[in-house]
């Protein structure tokens, strides 16, 4: 198994761990009010997070403003990248440049059932893996970064639209 696949496996495991932790914590929080209350809390939070995503509003979101240390690679070619990926997959030890992971966390904690939480965790892990492997397919001359910057508004709009549709479907059903 190559370092890339080990890293991506760690991303998936980290994301699933976080999703299950959010589901557990959210299950306890949901006892405090009926589902109708949580639905309106989620709608309000989603509106605020989308406005933040497009720069209309500015407010701080909790995140760890440091990268996962590179020394995790001391554990070898398989377990080092696995640990590094796991820590990044949890989103608890890295930057979060978008508000969408926070929105997903709220959805899992306040609305999702076990299957939806697993699917969200897998989706987040696969999304992070796609970014990593996509970046590796580009040359080392910052082509990836330049392409992302050139299309960032469109990418953000598509991600927000996809998230909004999935959120609406989840809240209706």
C-alpha atoms as a PDB file:
ATOM      1  CA  UNK A   1       0.000   0.000   0.000  1.00  0.00           C
ATOM      2  CA  UNK A   2       1.424   3.363  -0.996  1.00  0.00           C
ATOM      3  CA  UNK A   3       1.661   6.399   1.206  1.00  0.00           C
ATOM      4  CA  UNK A   4      -1.057   8.146  -0.823  1.00  0.00           C
ATOM      5  CA  UNK A   5      -3.599   5.379  -0.232  1.00  0.00           C
ATOM      6  CA  UNK A   6      -2.659   5.113   3.412  1.00  0.00           C
ATOM      7  CA  UNK A   7      -3.154   8.868   3.793  1.00  0.00           C
ATOM      8  CA  UNK A   8      -6.547   8.725   2.051  1.00  0.00           C
ATOM      9  CA  UNK A   9      -7.562   5.778   4.251  1.00  0.00           C
ATOM     10  CA  UNK A  10      -6.650   7.871   7.277  1.00  0.00           C
ATOM     11  CA  UNK A  11      -8.786  10.735   5.941  1.00  0.00           C
ATOM     12  CA  UNK A  12     -11.774   8.394   5.671  1.00  0.00           C
ATOM     13  CA  UNK A  13     -11.248   6.903   9.130  1.00  0.00           C
ATOM     14  CA  UNK A  14     -10.823  10.341  10.702  1.00  0.00           C
ATOM     15  CA  UNK A  15     -13.944  11.697   9.036  1.00  0.00           C
ATOM     16  CA  UNK A  16     -15.993   8.662  10.088  1.00  0.00           C
ATOM     17  CA  UNK A  17     -14.733   8.973  13.665  1.00  0.00           C
ATOM     18  CA  UNK A  18     -15.742  12.627  13.793  1.00  0.00           C
ATOM     19  CA  UNK A  19     -19.154  11.904  12.267  1.00  0.00           C
ATOM     20  CA  UNK A  20     -19.842   9.193  14.842  1.00  0.00           C
ATOM     21  CA  UNK A  21     -18.702  11.464  17.678  1.00  0.00           C
ATOM     22  CA  UNK A  22     -20.972  14.247  16.419  1.00  0.00           C
ATOM     23  CA  UNK A  23     -23.870  11.812  16.147  1.00  0.00           C
ATOM     24  CA  UNK A  24     -23.327  10.644  19.716  1.00  0.00           C
ATOM     25  CA  UNK A  25     -23.018  14.160  21.142  1.00  0.00           C
ATOM     26  CA  UNK A  26     -25.933  15.368  19.043  1.00  0.00           C
ATOM     27  CA  UNK A  27     -28.135  12.520  20.241  1.00  0.00           C
ATOM     28  CA  UNK A  28     -27.720  13.826  23.762  1.00  0.00           C
ATOM     29  CA  UNK A  29     -28.265  17.456  22.724  1.00  0.00           C
ATOM     30  CA  UNK A  30     -31.451  16.583  20.789  1.00  0.00           C
ATOM     31  CA  UNK A  31     -33.094  15.420  23.988  1.00  0.00           C
ATOM     32  CA  UNK A  32     -33.428  19.078  25.018  1.00  0.00           C
ATOM     33  CA  UNK A  33     -36.004  20.097  22.383  1.00  0.00           C
ATOM     34  CA  UNK A  34     -38.374  18.629  19.783  1.00  0.00           C
ATOM     35  CA  UNK A  35     -37.252  18.134  16.141  1.00  0.00           C
ATOM     36  CA  UNK A  36     -39.160  21.214  14.944  1.00  0.00           C
ATOM     37  CA  UNK A  37     -36.917  23.420  17.091  1.00  0.00           C
ATOM     38  CA  UNK A  38     -33.743  21.827  15.726  1.00  0.00           C
ATOM     39  CA  UNK A  39     -35.025  22.219  12.164  1.00  0.00           C
ATOM     40  CA  UNK A  40     -35.315  26.000  12.610  1.00  0.00           C
ATOM     41  CA  UNK A  41     -31.979  26.212  14.403  1.00  0.00           C
ATOM     42  CA  UNK A  42     -30.381  24.384  11.470  1.00  0.00           C
ATOM     43  CA  UNK A  43     -32.057  26.565   8.844  1.00  0.00           C
ATOM     44  CA  UNK A  44     -30.873  29.728  10.618  1.00  0.00           C
ATOM     45  CA  UNK A  45     -27.353  28.391  11.058  1.00  0.00           C
ATOM     46  CA  UNK A  46     -27.194  27.282   7.415  1.00  0.00           C
ATOM     47  CA  UNK A  47     -28.226  30.719   6.190  1.00  0.00           C
ATOM     48  CA  UNK A  48     -25.545  32.361   8.335  1.00  0.00           C
ATOM     49  CA  UNK A  49     -22.872  29.889   7.203  1.00  0.00           C
ATOM     50  CA  UNK A  50     -23.745  30.318   3.509  1.00  0.00           C
ATOM     51  CA  UNK A  51     -23.575  34.104   3.882  1.00  0.00           C
ATOM     52  CA  UNK A  52     -20.175  33.682   5.523  1.00  0.00           C
ATOM     53  CA  UNK A  53     -19.048  31.336   2.761  1.00  0.00           C
ATOM     54  CA  UNK A  54     -19.669  34.046   0.148  1.00  0.00           C
ATOM     55  CA  UNK A  55     -18.106  36.809   2.235  1.00  0.00           C
ATOM     56  CA  UNK A  56     -21.356  38.644   2.998  1.00  0.00           C
ATOM     57  CA  UNK A  57     -20.863  38.117   6.736  1.00  0.00           C
ATOM     58  CA  UNK A  58     -17.626  37.751   8.632  1.00  0.00           C
ATOM     59  CA  UNK A  59     -17.435  35.877  11.904  1.00  0.00           C
ATOM     60  CA  UNK A  60     -15.057  33.482  13.583  1.00  0.00           C
ATOM     61  CA  UNK A  61     -15.617  29.736  13.376  1.00  0.00           C
ATOM     62  CA  UNK A  62     -13.897  27.279  15.689  1.00  0.00           C
ATOM     63  CA  UNK A  63     -10.849  25.676  14.118  1.00  0.00           C
ATOM     64  CA  UNK A  64      -7.341  24.709  15.001  1.00  0.00           C
ATOM     65  CA  UNK A  65      -5.084  27.223  13.297  1.00  0.00           C
ATOM     66  CA  UNK A  66      -2.106  24.967  12.878  1.00  0.00           C
ATOM     67  CA  UNK A  67      -1.264  22.180  10.543  1.00  0.00           C
ATOM     68  CA  UNK A  68      -0.752  18.562  11.513  1.00  0.00           C
ATOM     69  CA  UNK A  69       2.963  18.277  12.307  1.00  0.00           C
ATOM     70  CA  UNK A  70       5.099  16.669   9.632  1.00  0.00           C
ATOM     71  CA  UNK A  71       6.869  14.467  12.205  1.00  0.00           C
ATOM     72  CA  UNK A  72       3.990  11.974  12.112  1.00  0.00           C
ATOM     73  CA  UNK A  73       5.837  10.454   9.143  1.00  0.00           C
ATOM     74  CA  UNK A  74       8.352   8.991  11.609  1.00  0.00           C
ATOM     75  CA  UNK A  75       5.948   6.042  11.905  1.00  0.00           C
ATOM     76  CA  UNK A  76       6.913   4.792   8.463  1.00  0.00           C
ATOM     77  CA  UNK A  77       5.575   4.764   4.935  1.00  0.00           C
ATOM     78  CA  UNK A  78       2.159   3.336   5.843  1.00  0.00           C
ATOM     79  CA  UNK A  79       1.378   4.269   9.436  1.00  0.00           C
ATOM     80  CA  UNK A  80       2.804   7.809   9.272  1.00  0.00           C
ATOM     81  CA  UNK A  81       0.552   8.901   6.395  1.00  0.00           C
ATOM     82  CA  UNK A  82      -2.330   6.970   7.974  1.00  0.00           C
ATOM     83  CA  UNK A  83      -1.958   8.950  11.215  1.00  0.00           C
ATOM     84  CA  UNK A  84      -1.490  12.221   9.319  1.00  0.00           C
ATOM     85  CA  UNK A  85      -4.599  11.498   7.241  1.00  0.00           C
ATOM     86  CA  UNK A  86      -6.612  10.494  10.299  1.00  0.00           C
ATOM     87  CA  UNK A  87      -5.790  13.745  12.064  1.00  0.00           C
ATOM     88  CA  UNK A  88      -6.634  15.783   8.967  1.00  0.00           C
ATOM     89  CA  UNK A  89      -9.792  13.741   8.389  1.00  0.00           C
ATOM     90  CA  UNK A  90     -11.129  14.649  11.812  1.00  0.00           C
ATOM     91  CA  UNK A  91     -10.741  18.365  10.938  1.00  0.00           C
ATOM     92  CA  UNK A  92      -9.746  18.930  14.538  1.00  0.00           C
ATOM     93  CA  UNK A  93      -6.046  19.550  13.871  1.00  0.00           C
ATOM     94  CA  UNK A  94      -6.003  21.643  10.735  1.00  0.00           C
ATOM     95  CA  UNK A  95      -7.281  24.788   9.067  1.00  0.00           C
ATOM     96  CA  UNK A  96     -10.832  24.809   7.805  1.00  0.00           C
ATOM     97  CA  UNK A  97     -11.014  27.408   5.018  1.00  0.00           C
ATOM     98  CA  UNK A  98     -14.718  26.833   4.353  1.00  0.00           C
ATOM     99  CA  UNK A  99     -17.811  27.104   6.527  1.00  0.00           C
ATOM    100  CA  UNK A 100     -19.330  23.986   4.951  1.00  0.00           C
ATOM    101  CA  UNK A 101     -17.654  21.461   7.287  1.00  0.00           C
ATOM    102  CA  UNK A 102     -19.187  23.362  10.202  1.00  0.00           C
ATOM    103  CA  UNK A 103     -22.568  23.186   8.500  1.00  0.00           C
ATOM    104  CA  UNK A 104     -22.136  19.443   7.985  1.00  0.00           C
ATOM    105  CA  UNK A 105     -21.166  19.037  11.637  1.00  0.00           C
ATOM    106  CA  UNK A 106     -24.359  20.816  12.712  1.00  0.00           C
ATOM    107  CA  UNK A 107     -26.437  18.648  10.384  1.00  0.00           C
ATOM    108  CA  UNK A 108     -24.925  15.476  11.805  1.00  0.00           C
ATOM    109  CA  UNK A 109     -25.225  16.584  15.417  1.00  0.00           C
ATOM    110  CA  UNK A 110     -28.718  18.049  15.248  1.00  0.00           C
ATOM    111  CA  UNK A 111     -30.500  16.067  12.560  1.00  0.00           C
ATOM    112  CA  UNK A 112     -28.788  13.020  11.088  1.00  0.00           C
ATOM    113  CA  UNK A 113     -29.431   9.406  11.925  1.00  0.00           C
ATOM    114  CA  UNK A 114     -26.705   6.751  11.931  1.00  0.00           C
ATOM    115  CA  UNK A 115     -26.796   6.046   8.176  1.00  0.00           C
ATOM    116  CA  UNK A 116     -26.726   9.739   7.257  1.00  0.00           C
ATOM    117  CA  UNK A 117     -23.837  10.304   9.672  1.00  0.00           C
ATOM    118  CA  UNK A 118     -21.843   7.463   8.092  1.00  0.00           C
ATOM    119  CA  UNK A 119     -22.590   8.787   4.595  1.00  0.00           C
ATOM    120  CA  UNK A 120     -21.552  12.305   5.623  1.00  0.00           C
ATOM    121  CA  UNK A 121     -18.328  10.993   7.128  1.00  0.00           C
ATOM    122  CA  UNK A 122     -17.524   8.964   4.025  1.00  0.00           C
ATOM    123  CA  UNK A 123     -18.397  11.927   1.798  1.00  0.00           C
ATOM    124  CA  UNK A 124     -16.157  14.270   3.763  1.00  0.00           C
ATOM    125  CA  UNK A 125     -13.296  11.781   3.752  1.00  0.00           C
ATOM    126  CA  UNK A 126     -13.666  11.143   0.023  1.00  0.00           C
ATOM    127  CA  UNK A 127     -13.847  14.885  -0.655  1.00  0.00           C
ATOM    128  CA  UNK A 128     -10.615  15.486   1.199  1.00  0.00           C
ATOM    129  CA  UNK A 129      -9.069  12.507  -0.568  1.00  0.00           C
ATOM    130  CA  UNK A 130     -10.140  13.855  -3.962  1.00  0.00           C
ATOM    131  CA  UNK A 131      -8.450  17.167  -3.211  1.00  0.00           C
ATOM    132  CA  UNK A 132      -5.264  15.403  -2.155  1.00  0.00           C
ATOM    133  CA  UNK A 133      -5.066  13.021  -5.088  1.00  0.00           C
ATOM    134  CA  UNK A 134      -6.125  15.759  -7.513  1.00  0.00           C
ATOM    135  CA  UNK A 135      -3.321  17.967  -6.280  1.00  0.00           C
ATOM    136  CA  UNK A 136      -0.816  15.136  -6.680  1.00  0.00           C
ATOM    137  CA  UNK A 137      -1.814  14.692 -10.338  1.00  0.00           C
ATOM    138  CA  UNK A 138      -0.659  18.232 -11.103  1.00  0.00           C
ATOM    139  CA  UNK A 139       2.955  19.200 -11.544  1.00  0.00           C
ATOM    140  CA  UNK A 140       4.892  20.910  -8.775  1.00  0.00           C
ATOM    141  CA  UNK A 141       4.733  24.380 -10.324  1.00  0.00           C
ATOM    142  CA  UNK A 142       1.625  25.596  -8.411  1.00  0.00           C
ATOM    143  CA  UNK A 143      -0.662  24.742 -11.352  1.00  0.00           C
ATOM    144  CA  UNK A 144      -3.190  23.223  -8.942  1.00  0.00           C
ATOM    145  CA  UNK A 145      -3.313  26.327  -6.772  1.00  0.00           C
ATOM    146  CA  UNK A 146      -3.611  28.637  -9.761  1.00  0.00           C
ATOM    147  CA  UNK A 147      -6.417  26.550 -11.256  1.00  0.00           C
ATOM    148  CA  UNK A 148      -8.253  26.553  -7.926  1.00  0.00           C
ATOM    149  CA  UNK A 149      -7.888  30.332  -7.528  1.00  0.00           C
ATOM    150  CA  UNK A 150      -9.130  30.886 -11.074  1.00  0.00           C
ATOM    151  CA  UNK A 151     -12.289  28.833 -10.455  1.00  0.00           C
ATOM    152  CA  UNK A 152     -12.779  29.412  -6.720  1.00  0.00           C
ATOM    153  CA  UNK A 153     -16.066  31.338  -6.965  1.00  0.00           C
ATOM    154  CA  UNK A 154     -17.604  28.676  -9.202  1.00  0.00           C
ATOM    155  CA  UNK A 155     -16.318  25.871  -6.970  1.00  0.00           C
ATOM    156  CA  UNK A 156     -17.728  27.572  -3.859  1.00  0.00           C
ATOM    157  CA  UNK A 157     -21.079  28.155  -5.578  1.00  0.00           C
ATOM    158  CA  UNK A 158     -21.313  24.517  -6.688  1.00  0.00           C
ATOM    159  CA  UNK A 159     -20.350  23.211  -3.262  1.00  0.00           C
ATOM    160  CA  UNK A 160     -22.840  25.475  -1.496  1.00  0.00           C
ATOM    161  CA  UNK A 161     -25.581  24.554  -3.972  1.00  0.00           C
ATOM    162  CA  UNK A 162     -24.921  20.846  -3.509  1.00  0.00           C
ATOM    163  CA  UNK A 163     -24.855  21.230   0.238  1.00  0.00           C
ATOM    164  CA  UNK A 164     -28.057  23.306   0.237  1.00  0.00           C
ATOM    165  CA  UNK A 165     -29.913  20.724  -1.849  1.00  0.00           C
ATOM    166  CA  UNK A 166     -28.759  17.839   0.337  1.00  0.00           C
ATOM    167  CA  UNK A 167     -29.666  19.799   3.474  1.00  0.00           C
ATOM    168  CA  UNK A 168     -33.132  20.587   2.141  1.00  0.00           C
ATOM    169  CA  UNK A 169     -33.704  16.943   1.228  1.00  0.00           C
ATOM    170  CA  UNK A 170     -32.521  15.820   4.663  1.00  0.00           C
ATOM    171  CA  UNK A 171     -34.767  18.290   6.470  1.00  0.00           C
ATOM    172  CA  UNK A 172     -37.845  17.387   4.397  1.00  0.00           C
ATOM    173  CA  UNK A 173     -37.491  13.623   4.694  1.00  0.00           C
END
